[in-house]
Structure formats: C-alpha cells, structure tokens
Amino acid sequence: MAEAPDAETAWRWLLERRPGTRGYYGGEELFAIAAAAHAEPRLRVLYPFPSHGTLKLLRSGPPFDGTHRDDLPYVICDGPPYKVSAIHRGPLGEAATPREAAALVVAHLPPDM
C-alpha cells in the first residue's frame, strides 16, 4: 500500500479515493468523516490515517517507525452516532453527524495544537 509523503497529499489521496492507498477500501462513513475533518483548518494540517474502521489524525506522516505520538482524538466510523475517542483518555463523546464528530475532535485537541 502506498503511503502519502505528507499530510496534504494524504488528504488529497483519501478524498479522491485513490486506488492502492490507505483508506481506499473504506466505507461511505469514512469518506463523509474525512470530508468533514478536512473542512476543519486545525485538522487539515494533520496526517489522516484511516485504519480498522477509524480515522486517526497524526502529527506527522511516514515513515511509520514506532516513534509517532498517537495521542490525538480519532473518530470511529461506524455511526451515526460517531464515537470520538483518544488513546490514554478513552471515550470523549458521540456526534450525530460527521461534521459534529470533526468539531468534537477539534474541541479535544491538546493545547499545543
């Protein structure tokens, strides 16, 4: 699977559903959440990482060598309702729409973001 070299490319490939890339086989919920997250300027600068029914957002892109901080909120794409959670913090809330889920992620970003 091809990994995009940077956040801007990763968003473009995800939203275009580029074959052979991460998220290509995601369901309609993933693409709706991705579009809503991309519309949020604070999320658009993060690297989108769809995996196992979630849309995670990473501070940096590849290489994925185990040194990444995986501390940002993410959306579980099996809604509605869409669940927003974070590793080490647990469930953060639920949202009725992809747009509300993206706003919930923004509301729970760390202060340094």
Protein backbone atom coordinates (compact mmCIF):
# COMPACT_ATOMS: atom_id res chain seq x y z
CA MET A 1 0.00 0.00 0.00
CA ALA A 2 1.38 3.39 -0.96
CA GLU A 3 1.74 5.91 1.86
CA ALA A 4 1.48 9.60 1.04
CA PRO A 5 4.67 11.55 1.83
CA ASP A 6 2.92 14.43 3.62
CA ALA A 7 -0.42 15.50 5.09
CA GLU A 8 -1.57 17.49 2.07
CA THR A 9 -1.01 14.55 -0.27
CA ALA A 10 -2.56 12.09 2.20
CA TRP A 11 -5.74 14.19 2.38
CA ARG A 12 -5.91 14.51 -1.41
CA TRP A 13 -5.46 10.77 -1.96
CA LEU A 14 -8.00 9.93 0.74
CA LEU A 15 -10.65 12.33 -0.55
CA GLU A 16 -10.04 11.21 -4.15
CA ARG A 17 -10.24 7.54 -3.08
CA ARG A 18 -7.01 6.89 -4.90
CA PRO A 19 -6.62 3.14 -5.60
CA GLY A 20 -3.86 1.35 -3.72
CA THR A 21 -3.65 3.90 -0.91
CA ARG A 22 -4.71 3.92 2.74
CA GLY A 23 -8.46 4.31 3.06
CA TYR A 24 -9.30 3.25 -0.49
CA TYR A 25 -11.46 0.41 0.78
CA GLY A 26 -13.13 2.49 3.49
CA GLY A 27 -16.89 2.73 3.63
CA GLU A 28 -19.05 5.76 2.97
CA GLU A 29 -18.85 6.74 6.66
CA LEU A 30 -15.06 7.07 6.41
CA PHE A 31 -15.30 9.36 3.40
CA ALA A 32 -18.01 11.52 4.99
CA ILE A 33 -15.94 11.90 8.16
CA ALA A 34 -12.78 12.56 6.15
CA ALA A 35 -14.51 15.34 4.19
CA ALA A 36 -15.81 16.90 7.42
CA ALA A 37 -12.39 16.67 9.08
CA HIS A 38 -10.66 18.16 6.05
CA ALA A 39 -13.01 21.14 6.24
CA GLU A 40 -11.60 21.96 9.72
CA PRO A 41 -8.40 24.02 9.31
CA ARG A 42 -6.86 22.65 12.54
CA LEU A 43 -7.38 19.08 11.37
CA ARG A 44 -6.35 19.64 7.75
CA VAL A 45 -2.71 20.14 8.79
CA LEU A 46 -2.62 16.71 10.46
CA TYR A 47 -1.84 13.48 8.62
CA PRO A 48 -5.05 11.46 8.08
CA PHE A 49 -4.56 7.79 8.89
CA PRO A 50 -7.65 5.64 8.27
CA SER A 51 -7.28 2.21 9.80
CA HIS A 52 -9.53 -0.53 11.15
CA GLY A 53 -12.75 1.47 10.94
CA THR A 54 -11.31 4.68 12.37
CA LEU A 55 -9.98 7.97 11.10
CA LYS A 56 -6.91 8.80 13.15
CA LEU A 57 -5.00 12.04 12.78
CA LEU A 58 -1.25 12.04 13.26
CA ARG A 59 1.13 14.89 13.97
CA SER A 60 3.45 13.66 11.21
CA GLY A 61 3.45 11.25 8.30
CA PRO A 62 5.73 8.41 7.21
CA PRO A 63 7.98 6.72 7.88
CA PHE A 64 5.83 4.95 10.44
CA ASP A 65 8.63 3.57 12.58
CA GLY A 66 7.08 3.47 16.04
CA THR A 67 8.23 6.93 17.07
CA HIS A 68 4.93 8.67 16.31
CA ARG A 69 2.84 10.15 19.08
CA ASP A 70 -0.60 8.59 18.80
CA ASP A 71 -2.29 10.90 21.30
CA LEU A 72 -4.81 12.80 19.22
CA PRO A 73 -8.57 12.18 19.20
CA TYR A 74 -9.93 9.93 16.48
CA VAL A 75 -13.34 9.04 15.07
CA ILE A 76 -14.78 5.54 14.97
CA CYS A 77 -16.51 5.39 11.58
CA ASP A 78 -19.47 3.14 12.36
CA GLY A 79 -22.11 5.75 13.08
CA PRO A 80 -24.24 7.53 13.48
CA PRO A 81 -23.69 8.16 16.23
CA TYR A 82 -19.99 8.63 15.56
CA LYS A 83 -17.81 7.95 18.59
CA VAL A 84 -14.79 10.13 19.28
CA SER A 85 -12.09 8.69 21.47
CA ALA A 86 -8.40 9.05 22.28
CA ILE A 87 -5.77 6.59 23.37
CA HIS A 88 -4.98 7.04 27.08
CA ARG A 89 -8.09 9.23 27.53
CA GLY A 90 -10.85 6.88 26.41
CA PRO A 91 -14.23 7.94 25.02
CA LEU A 92 -14.62 11.69 24.52
CA GLY A 93 -18.18 11.81 23.23
CA GLU A 94 -20.58 10.99 20.43
CA ALA A 95 -21.79 13.01 17.47
CA ALA A 96 -24.84 12.67 15.25
CA THR A 97 -23.12 13.84 12.06
CA PRO A 98 -19.64 13.70 10.54
CA ARG A 99 -19.38 17.49 10.89
CA GLU A 100 -20.19 17.31 14.60
CA ALA A 101 -17.65 14.48 15.00
CA ALA A 102 -14.93 16.63 13.39
CA ALA A 103 -15.85 19.55 15.67
CA LEU A 104 -15.63 17.23 18.68
CA VAL A 105 -12.14 16.17 17.62
CA VAL A 106 -11.13 19.84 17.33
CA ALA A 107 -12.59 20.58 20.79
CA HIS A 108 -10.41 17.83 22.29
CA LEU A 109 -7.10 18.64 20.59
CA PRO A 110 -4.23 19.14 23.03
CA PRO A 111 -3.40 22.75 23.93
CA ASP A 112 -0.19 22.62 21.86
CA MET A 113 -2.17 22.04 18.68
